[in-house]
């Protein structure tokens, strides 16, 4: 809000660039950091979903990926 008010020449004697540039810089850095964290989380989730587990289905153990596990499955963990 302050950056918008400072960009009106009648209200503020400052150049609008001096108010908007720092705000844009901080928001840009924050966006880049959040994007990097989301990418890391995506890679970790993808790695977890590719793990193989033994699941008891229909009286026998089958090896399936963790992304195919359903509610109520009995897992054999070692």
PDB file of N, CA and C in Angstrom:
ATOM      1  N   UNK A   1       0.832  -1.190   0.000  1.00  0.00           N
ATOM      2  CA  UNK A   1       0.000   0.000   0.000  1.00  0.00           C
ATOM      3  C   UNK A   1       0.876   1.253   0.000  1.00  0.00           C
ATOM      4  N   UNK A   2       1.952   1.215   0.776  1.00  0.00           N
ATOM      5  CA  UNK A   2       2.849   2.375   0.838  1.00  0.00           C
ATOM      6  C   UNK A   2       3.523   2.592  -0.516  1.00  0.00           C
ATOM      7  N   UNK A   3       3.899   1.504  -1.191  1.00  0.00           N
ATOM      8  CA  UNK A   3       4.534   1.622  -2.500  1.00  0.00           C
ATOM      9  C   UNK A   3       3.581   2.262  -3.506  1.00  0.00           C
ATOM     10  N   UNK A   4       2.304   1.933  -3.411  1.00  0.00           N
ATOM     11  CA  UNK A   4       1.313   2.536  -4.320  1.00  0.00           C
ATOM     12  C   UNK A   4       1.161   4.023  -4.022  1.00  0.00           C
ATOM     13  N   UNK A   5       1.092   4.379  -2.739  1.00  0.00           N
ATOM     14  CA  UNK A   5       0.960   5.797  -2.380  1.00  0.00           C
ATOM     15  C   UNK A   5       2.204   6.593  -2.777  1.00  0.00           C
ATOM     16  N   UNK A   6       3.376   5.988  -2.641  1.00  0.00           N
ATOM     17  CA  UNK A   6       4.598   6.704  -3.009  1.00  0.00           C
ATOM     18  C   UNK A   6       4.769   6.833  -4.515  1.00  0.00           C
ATOM     19  N   UNK A   7       4.020   6.076  -5.286  1.00  0.00           N
ATOM     20  CA  UNK A   7       4.135   6.201  -6.734  1.00  0.00           C
ATOM     21  C   UNK A   7       3.278   7.342  -7.281  1.00  0.00           C
ATOM     22  N   UNK A   8       2.454   7.976  -6.446  1.00  0.00           N
ATOM     23  CA  UNK A   8       1.652   9.132  -6.866  1.00  0.00           C
ATOM     24  C   UNK A   8       2.480  10.392  -6.639  1.00  0.00           C
ATOM     25  N   UNK A   9       2.820  11.110  -7.695  1.00  0.00           N
ATOM     26  CA  UNK A   9       3.723  12.268  -7.562  1.00  0.00           C
ATOM     27  C   UNK A   9       3.174  13.398  -6.682  1.00  0.00           C
ATOM     28  N   UNK A  10       1.886  13.551  -6.581  1.00  0.00           N
ATOM     29  CA  UNK A  10       1.306  14.632  -5.774  1.00  0.00           C
ATOM     30  C   UNK A  10       1.515  14.361  -4.279  1.00  0.00           C
ATOM     31  N   UNK A  11       1.463  13.091  -3.884  1.00  0.00           N
ATOM     32  CA  UNK A  11       1.557  12.729  -2.469  1.00  0.00           C
ATOM     33  C   UNK A  11       3.011  12.615  -2.005  1.00  0.00           C
ATOM     34  N   UNK A  12       3.866  12.032  -2.830  1.00  0.00           N
ATOM     35  CA  UNK A  12       5.224  11.737  -2.395  1.00  0.00           C
ATOM     36  C   UNK A  12       6.253  12.448  -3.271  1.00  0.00           C
ATOM     37  N   UNK A  13       7.285  13.005  -2.656  1.00  0.00           N
ATOM     38  CA  UNK A  13       8.340  13.650  -3.443  1.00  0.00           C
ATOM     39  C   UNK A  13       9.368  12.638  -3.982  1.00  0.00           C
ATOM     40  N   UNK A  14       9.290  11.395  -3.546  1.00  0.00           N
ATOM     41  CA  UNK A  14      10.252  10.379  -3.959  1.00  0.00           C
ATOM     42  C   UNK A  14       9.916   9.793  -5.328  1.00  0.00           C
ATOM     43  N   UNK A  15      10.929   9.245  -5.946  1.00  0.00           N
ATOM     44  CA  UNK A  15      10.758   8.553  -7.208  1.00  0.00           C
ATOM     45  C   UNK A  15      10.016   7.238  -6.940  1.00  0.00           C
ATOM     46  N   UNK A  16       9.022   6.862  -7.742  1.00  0.00           N
ATOM     47  CA  UNK A  16       8.288   5.618  -7.507  1.00  0.00           C
ATOM     48  C   UNK A  16       9.189   4.374  -7.522  1.00  0.00           C
ATOM     49  N   UNK A  17      10.280   4.425  -8.258  1.00  0.00           N
ATOM     50  CA  UNK A  17      11.204   3.296  -8.336  1.00  0.00           C
ATOM     51  C   UNK A  17      11.796   2.968  -6.974  1.00  0.00           C
ATOM     52  N   UNK A  18      12.039   3.978  -6.139  1.00  0.00           N
ATOM     53  CA  UNK A  18      12.652   3.745  -4.832  1.00  0.00           C
ATOM     54  C   UNK A  18      11.723   2.998  -3.878  1.00  0.00           C
ATOM     55  N   UNK A  19      10.447   3.010  -4.131  1.00  0.00           N
ATOM     56  CA  UNK A  19       9.508   2.286  -3.280  1.00  0.00           C
ATOM     57  C   UNK A  19       9.170   0.910  -3.845  1.00  0.00           C
ATOM     58  N   UNK A  20       9.048   0.804  -5.148  1.00  0.00           N
ATOM     59  CA  UNK A  20       8.597  -0.437  -5.769  1.00  0.00           C
ATOM     60  C   UNK A  20       9.743  -1.427  -5.959  1.00  0.00           C
ATOM     61  N   UNK A  21      10.941  -0.970  -6.265  1.00  0.00           N
ATOM     62  CA  UNK A  21      12.069  -1.870  -6.535  1.00  0.00           C
ATOM     63  C   UNK A  21      12.413  -2.760  -5.329  1.00  0.00           C
ATOM     64  N   UNK A  22      12.559  -2.222  -4.112  1.00  0.00           N
ATOM     65  CA  UNK A  22      12.854  -3.111  -2.982  1.00  0.00           C
ATOM     66  C   UNK A  22      11.733  -4.123  -2.717  1.00  0.00           C
ATOM     67  N   UNK A  23      10.498  -3.679  -2.870  1.00  0.00           N
ATOM     68  CA  UNK A  23       9.363  -4.577  -2.676  1.00  0.00           C
ATOM     69  C   UNK A  23       9.388  -5.709  -3.705  1.00  0.00           C
ATOM     70  N   UNK A  24       9.624  -5.375  -4.960  1.00  0.00           N
ATOM     71  CA  UNK A  24       9.696  -6.387  -6.016  1.00  0.00           C
ATOM     72  C   UNK A  24      10.870  -7.333  -5.784  1.00  0.00           C
ATOM     73  N   UNK A  25      11.981  -6.814  -5.309  1.00  0.00           N
ATOM     74  CA  UNK A  25      13.152  -7.648  -5.037  1.00  0.00           C
ATOM     75  C   UNK A  25      12.865  -8.662  -3.930  1.00  0.00           C
ATOM     76  N   UNK A  26      12.282  -8.202  -2.839  1.00  0.00           N
ATOM     77  CA  UNK A  26      11.984  -9.083  -1.706  1.00  0.00           C
ATOM     78  C   UNK A  26      10.952 -10.143  -2.112  1.00  0.00           C
ATOM     79  N   UNK A  27       9.929  -9.753  -2.826  1.00  0.00           N
ATOM     80  CA  UNK A  27       8.917 -10.713  -3.275  1.00  0.00           C
ATOM     81  C   UNK A  27       9.523 -11.711  -4.252  1.00  0.00           C
ATOM     82  N   UNK A  28      10.396 -11.257  -5.144  1.00  0.00           N
ATOM     83  CA  UNK A  28      11.056 -12.150  -6.096  1.00  0.00           C
ATOM     84  C   UNK A  28      11.933 -13.179  -5.402  1.00  0.00           C
ATOM     85  N   UNK A  29      12.709 -12.742  -4.410  1.00  0.00           N
ATOM     86  CA  UNK A  29      13.558 -13.665  -3.653  1.00  0.00           C
ATOM     87  C   UNK A  29      12.694 -14.685  -2.901  1.00  0.00           C
ATOM     88  N   UNK A  30      11.605 -14.218  -2.304  1.00  0.00           N
ATOM     89  CA  UNK A  30      10.701 -15.109  -1.589  1.00  0.00           C
ATOM     90  C   UNK A  30      10.070 -16.138  -2.529  1.00  0.00           C
ATOM     91  N   UNK A  31       9.684 -15.717  -3.717  1.00  0.00           N
ATOM     92  CA  UNK A  31       9.107 -16.637  -4.698  1.00  0.00           C
ATOM     93  C   UNK A  31      10.128 -17.684  -5.140  1.00  0.00           C
ATOM     94  N   UNK A  32      11.366 -17.263  -5.364  1.00  0.00           N
ATOM     95  CA  UNK A  32      12.414 -18.194  -5.789  1.00  0.00           C
ATOM     96  C   UNK A  32      12.706 -19.215  -4.688  1.00  0.00           C
ATOM     97  N   UNK A  33      12.763 -18.779  -3.448  1.00  0.00           N
ATOM     98  CA  UNK A  33      13.017 -19.694  -2.332  1.00  0.00           C
ATOM     99  C   UNK A  33      11.888 -20.700  -2.189  1.00  0.00           C
ATOM    100  N   UNK A  34      10.638 -20.241  -2.278  1.00  0.00           N
ATOM    101  CA  UNK A  34       9.493 -21.140  -2.176  1.00  0.00           C
ATOM    102  C   UNK A  34       9.466 -22.144  -3.330  1.00  0.00           C
ATOM    103  N   UNK A  35       9.820 -21.699  -4.528  1.00  0.00           N
ATOM    104  CA  UNK A  35       9.859 -22.607  -5.679  1.00  0.00           C
ATOM    105  C   UNK A  35      10.923 -23.677  -5.486  1.00  0.00           C
ATOM    106  N   UNK A  36      12.081 -23.300  -4.949  1.00  0.00           N
ATOM    107  CA  UNK A  36      13.150 -24.267  -4.696  1.00  0.00           C
ATOM    108  C   UNK A  36      12.722 -25.290  -3.646  1.00  0.00           C
ATOM    109  N   UNK A  37      12.076 -24.836  -2.574  1.00  0.00           N
ATOM    110  CA  UNK A  37      11.605 -25.744  -1.536  1.00  0.00           C
ATOM    111  C   UNK A  37      10.530 -26.691  -2.072  1.00  0.00           C
ATOM    112  N   UNK A  38       9.637 -26.185  -2.907  1.00  0.00           N
ATOM    113  CA  UNK A  38       8.610 -27.034  -3.513  1.00  0.00           C
ATOM    114  C   UNK A  38       9.233 -28.080  -4.421  1.00  0.00           C
ATOM    115  N   UNK A  39      10.263 -27.708  -5.161  1.00  0.00           N
ATOM    116  CA  UNK A  39      10.941 -28.651  -6.037  1.00  0.00           C
ATOM    117  C   UNK A  39      11.613 -29.755  -5.224  1.00  0.00           C
ATOM    118  N   UNK A  40      12.274 -29.390  -4.130  1.00  0.00           N
ATOM    119  CA  UNK A  40      12.905 -30.389  -3.272  1.00  0.00           C
ATOM    120  C   UNK A  40      11.862 -31.332  -2.677  1.00  0.00           C
ATOM    121  N   UNK A  41      10.724 -30.787  -2.246  1.00  0.00           N
ATOM    122  CA  UNK A  41       9.652 -31.609  -1.692  1.00  0.00           C
ATOM    123  C   UNK A  41       9.094 -32.548  -2.759  1.00  0.00           C
ATOM    124  N   UNK A  42       8.955 -32.061  -3.986  1.00  0.00           N
ATOM    125  CA  UNK A  42       8.480 -32.894  -5.097  1.00  0.00           C
ATOM    126  C   UNK A  42       9.431 -34.061  -5.345  1.00  0.00           C
ATOM    127  N   UNK A  43      10.736 -33.796  -5.334  1.00  0.00           N
ATOM    128  CA  UNK A  43      11.725 -34.860  -5.563  1.00  0.00           C
ATOM    129  C   UNK A  43      11.687 -35.887  -4.431  1.00  0.00           C
ATOM    130  N   UNK A  44      11.551 -35.443  -3.192  1.00  0.00           N
ATOM    131  CA  UNK A  44      11.481 -36.364  -2.061  1.00  0.00           C
ATOM    132  C   UNK A  44      10.210 -37.223  -2.136  1.00  0.00           C
ATOM    133  N   UNK A  45       9.076 -36.612  -2.495  1.00  0.00           N
ATOM    134  CA  UNK A  45       7.830 -37.365  -2.635  1.00  0.00           C
ATOM    135  C   UNK A  45       7.932 -38.391  -3.755  1.00  0.00           C
ATOM    136  N   UNK A  46       8.553 -38.014  -4.857  1.00  0.00           N
ATOM    137  CA  UNK A  46       8.718 -38.926  -5.983  1.00  0.00           C
ATOM    138  C   UNK A  46       9.593 -40.115  -5.590  1.00  0.00           C
ATOM    139  N   UNK A  47      10.656 -39.849  -4.838  1.00  0.00           N
ATOM    140  CA  UNK A  47      11.542 -40.919  -4.372  1.00  0.00           C
ATOM    141  C   UNK A  47      10.802 -41.856  -3.418  1.00  0.00           C
ATOM    142  N   UNK A  48       9.982 -41.301  -2.541  1.00  0.00           N
ATOM    143  CA  UNK A  48       9.212 -42.115  -1.597  1.00  0.00           C
ATOM    144  C   UNK A  48       8.180 -42.967  -2.324  1.00  0.00           C
ATOM    145  N   UNK A  49       7.534 -42.416  -3.338  1.00  0.00           N
ATOM    146  CA  UNK A  49       6.493 -43.143  -4.060  1.00  0.00           C
ATOM    147  C   UNK A  49       7.049 -44.275  -4.913  1.00  0.00           C
ATOM    148  N   UNK A  50       8.347 -44.296  -5.164  1.00  0.00           N
ATOM    149  CA  UNK A  50       8.951 -45.357  -5.964  1.00  0.00           C
ATOM    150  C   UNK A  50       9.459 -46.522  -5.115  1.00  0.00           C
ATOM    151  N   UNK A  51       9.421 -46.407  -3.789  1.00  0.00           N
ATOM    152  CA  UNK A  51       9.882 -47.485  -2.927  1.00  0.00           C
ATOM    153  C   UNK A  51       8.958 -48.690  -3.060  1.00  0.00           C
ATOM    154  N   UNK A  52       9.544 -49.882  -2.901  1.00  0.00           N
ATOM    155  CA  UNK A  52       8.787 -51.121  -3.036  1.00  0.00           C
ATOM    156  C   UNK A  52       8.546 -51.708  -1.648  1.00  0.00           C
ATOM    157  N   UNK A  53       7.306 -52.119  -1.399  1.00  0.00           N
ATOM    158  CA  UNK A  53       6.912 -52.731  -0.142  1.00  0.00           C
ATOM    159  C   UNK A  53       6.243 -54.071  -0.415  1.00  0.00           C
ATOM    160  N   UNK A  54       6.294 -54.940   0.585  1.00  0.00           N
ATOM    161  CA  UNK A  54       5.555 -56.192   0.511  1.00  0.00           C
ATOM    162  C   UNK A  54       4.206 -55.974   1.176  1.00  0.00           C
ATOM    163  N   UNK A  55       3.134 -56.322   0.432  1.00  0.00           N
ATOM    164  CA  UNK A  55       1.779 -56.099   0.899  1.00  0.00           C
ATOM    165  C   UNK A  55       1.043 -57.430   0.888  1.00  0.00           C
ATOM    166  N   UNK A  56       0.297 -57.693   1.939  1.00  0.00           N
ATOM    167  CA  UNK A  56      -0.510 -58.901   2.020  1.00  0.00           C
ATOM    168  C   UNK A  56      -1.846 -58.642   1.341  1.00  0.00           C
ATOM    169  N   UNK A  57      -2.045 -59.317   0.222  1.00  0.00           N
ATOM    170  CA  UNK A  57      -3.310 -59.215  -0.514  1.00  0.00           C
ATOM    171  C   UNK A  57      -3.737 -60.613  -0.931  1.00  0.00           C
ATOM    172  N   UNK A  58      -4.976 -60.936  -0.653  1.00  0.00           N
ATOM    173  CA  UNK A  58      -5.554 -62.224  -1.029  1.00  0.00           C
ATOM    174  C   UNK A  58      -4.729 -63.385  -0.485  1.00  0.00           C
ATOM    175  N   UNK A  59      -4.209 -63.240   0.730  1.00  0.00           N
ATOM    176  CA  UNK A  59      -3.508 -64.316   1.408  1.00  0.00           C
ATOM    177  C   UNK A  59      -2.056 -64.511   1.011  1.00  0.00           C
ATOM    178  N   UNK A  60      -1.507 -63.666   0.184  1.00  0.00           N
ATOM    179  CA  UNK A  60      -0.092 -63.803  -0.195  1.00  0.00           C
ATOM    180  C   UNK A  60       0.559 -62.425  -0.273  1.00  0.00           C
ATOM    181  N   UNK A  61       1.876 -62.432  -0.077  1.00  0.00           N
ATOM    182  CA  UNK A  61       2.609 -61.173  -0.125  1.00  0.00           C
ATOM    183  C   UNK A  61       3.001 -60.845  -1.557  1.00  0.00           C
ATOM    184  N   UNK A  62       2.745 -59.616  -1.948  1.00  0.00           N
ATOM    185  CA  UNK A  62       3.120 -59.125  -3.275  1.00  0.00           C
ATOM    186  C   UNK A  62       3.963 -57.874  -3.101  1.00  0.00           C
ATOM    187  N   UNK A  63       4.917 -57.672  -3.994  1.00  0.00           N
ATOM    188  CA  UNK A  63       5.735 -56.454  -3.959  1.00  0.00           C
ATOM    189  C   UNK A  63       5.084 -55.413  -4.856  1.00  0.00           C
ATOM    190  N   UNK A  64       4.780 -54.260  -4.259  1.00  0.00           N
ATOM    191  CA  UNK A  64       4.190 -53.155  -5.015  1.00  0.00           C
ATOM    192  C   UNK A  64       4.873 -51.856  -4.618  1.00  0.00           C
ATOM    193  N   UNK A  65       4.718 -50.848  -5.481  1.00  0.00           N
ATOM    194  CA  UNK A  65       5.255 -49.521  -5.162  1.00  0.00           C
ATOM    195  C   UNK A  65       4.381 -48.866  -4.097  1.00  0.00           C
ATOM    196  N   UNK A  66       4.986 -47.981  -3.333  1.00  0.00           N
ATOM    197  CA  UNK A  66       4.243 -47.338  -2.248  1.00  0.00           C
ATOM    198  C   UNK A  66       3.104 -46.469  -2.771  1.00  0.00           C
ATOM    199  N   UNK A  67       3.192 -46.027  -4.020  1.00  0.00           N
ATOM    200  CA  UNK A  67       2.096 -45.224  -4.574  1.00  0.00           C
ATOM    201  C   UNK A  67       0.849 -46.061  -4.831  1.00  0.00           C
ATOM    202  N   UNK A  68       0.996 -47.406  -4.875  1.00  0.00           N
ATOM    203  CA  UNK A  68      -0.142 -48.291  -5.121  1.00  0.00           C
ATOM    204  C   UNK A  68      -0.744 -48.857  -3.842  1.00  0.00           C
ATOM    205  N   UNK A  69      -0.234 -48.487  -2.682  1.00  0.00           N
ATOM    206  CA  UNK A  69      -0.770 -48.963  -1.415  1.00  0.00           C
ATOM    207  C   UNK A  69      -2.121 -48.316  -1.178  1.00  0.00           C
ATOM    208  N   UNK A  70      -3.059 -49.132  -0.714  1.00  0.00           N
ATOM    209  CA  UNK A  70      -4.411 -48.646  -0.470  1.00  0.00           C
ATOM    210  C   UNK A  70      -4.723 -48.734   1.019  1.00  0.00           C
ATOM    211  N   UNK A  71      -5.751 -48.045   1.443  1.00  0.00           N
ATOM    212  CA  UNK A  71      -6.172 -48.076   2.827  1.00  0.00           C
ATOM    213  C   UNK A  71      -6.606 -49.494   3.174  1.00  0.00           C
ATOM    214  N   UNK A  72      -6.122 -50.006   4.296  1.00  0.00           N
ATOM    215  CA  UNK A  72      -6.480 -51.344   4.745  1.00  0.00           C
ATOM    216  C   UNK A  72      -5.465 -52.409   4.362  1.00  0.00           C
ATOM    217  N   UNK A  73      -4.469 -52.067   3.533  1.00  0.00           N
ATOM    218  CA  UNK A  73      -3.437 -53.037   3.181  1.00  0.00           C
ATOM    219  C   UNK A  73      -2.562 -53.334   4.387  1.00  0.00           C
ATOM    220  N   UNK A  74      -2.125 -54.582   4.484  1.00  0.00           N
ATOM    221  CA  UNK A  74      -1.211 -54.982   5.553  1.00  0.00           C
ATOM    222  C   UNK A  74       0.184 -55.034   4.955  1.00  0.00           C
ATOM    223  N   UNK A  75       1.095 -54.244   5.522  1.00  0.00           N
ATOM    224  CA  UNK A  75       2.450 -54.138   5.002  1.00  0.00           C
ATOM    225  C   UNK A  75       3.399 -54.967   5.827  1.00  0.00           C
ATOM    226  N   UNK A  76       4.400 -55.554   5.148  1.00  0.00           N
ATOM    227  CA  UNK A  76       5.481 -56.233   5.845  1.00  0.00           C
ATOM    228  C   UNK A  76       6.685 -55.317   5.807  1.00  0.00           C
ATOM    229  N   UNK A  77       7.103 -54.868   6.980  1.00  0.00           N
ATOM    230  CA  UNK A  77       8.204 -53.916   7.063  1.00  0.00           C
ATOM    231  C   UNK A  77       9.419 -54.630   7.647  1.00  0.00           C
ATOM    232  N   UNK A  78      10.588 -54.319   7.123  1.00  0.00           N
ATOM    233  CA  UNK A  78      11.811 -54.905   7.675  1.00  0.00           C
ATOM    234  C   UNK A  78      12.829 -53.832   7.926  1.00  0.00           C
TER     235      UNK A  78
END
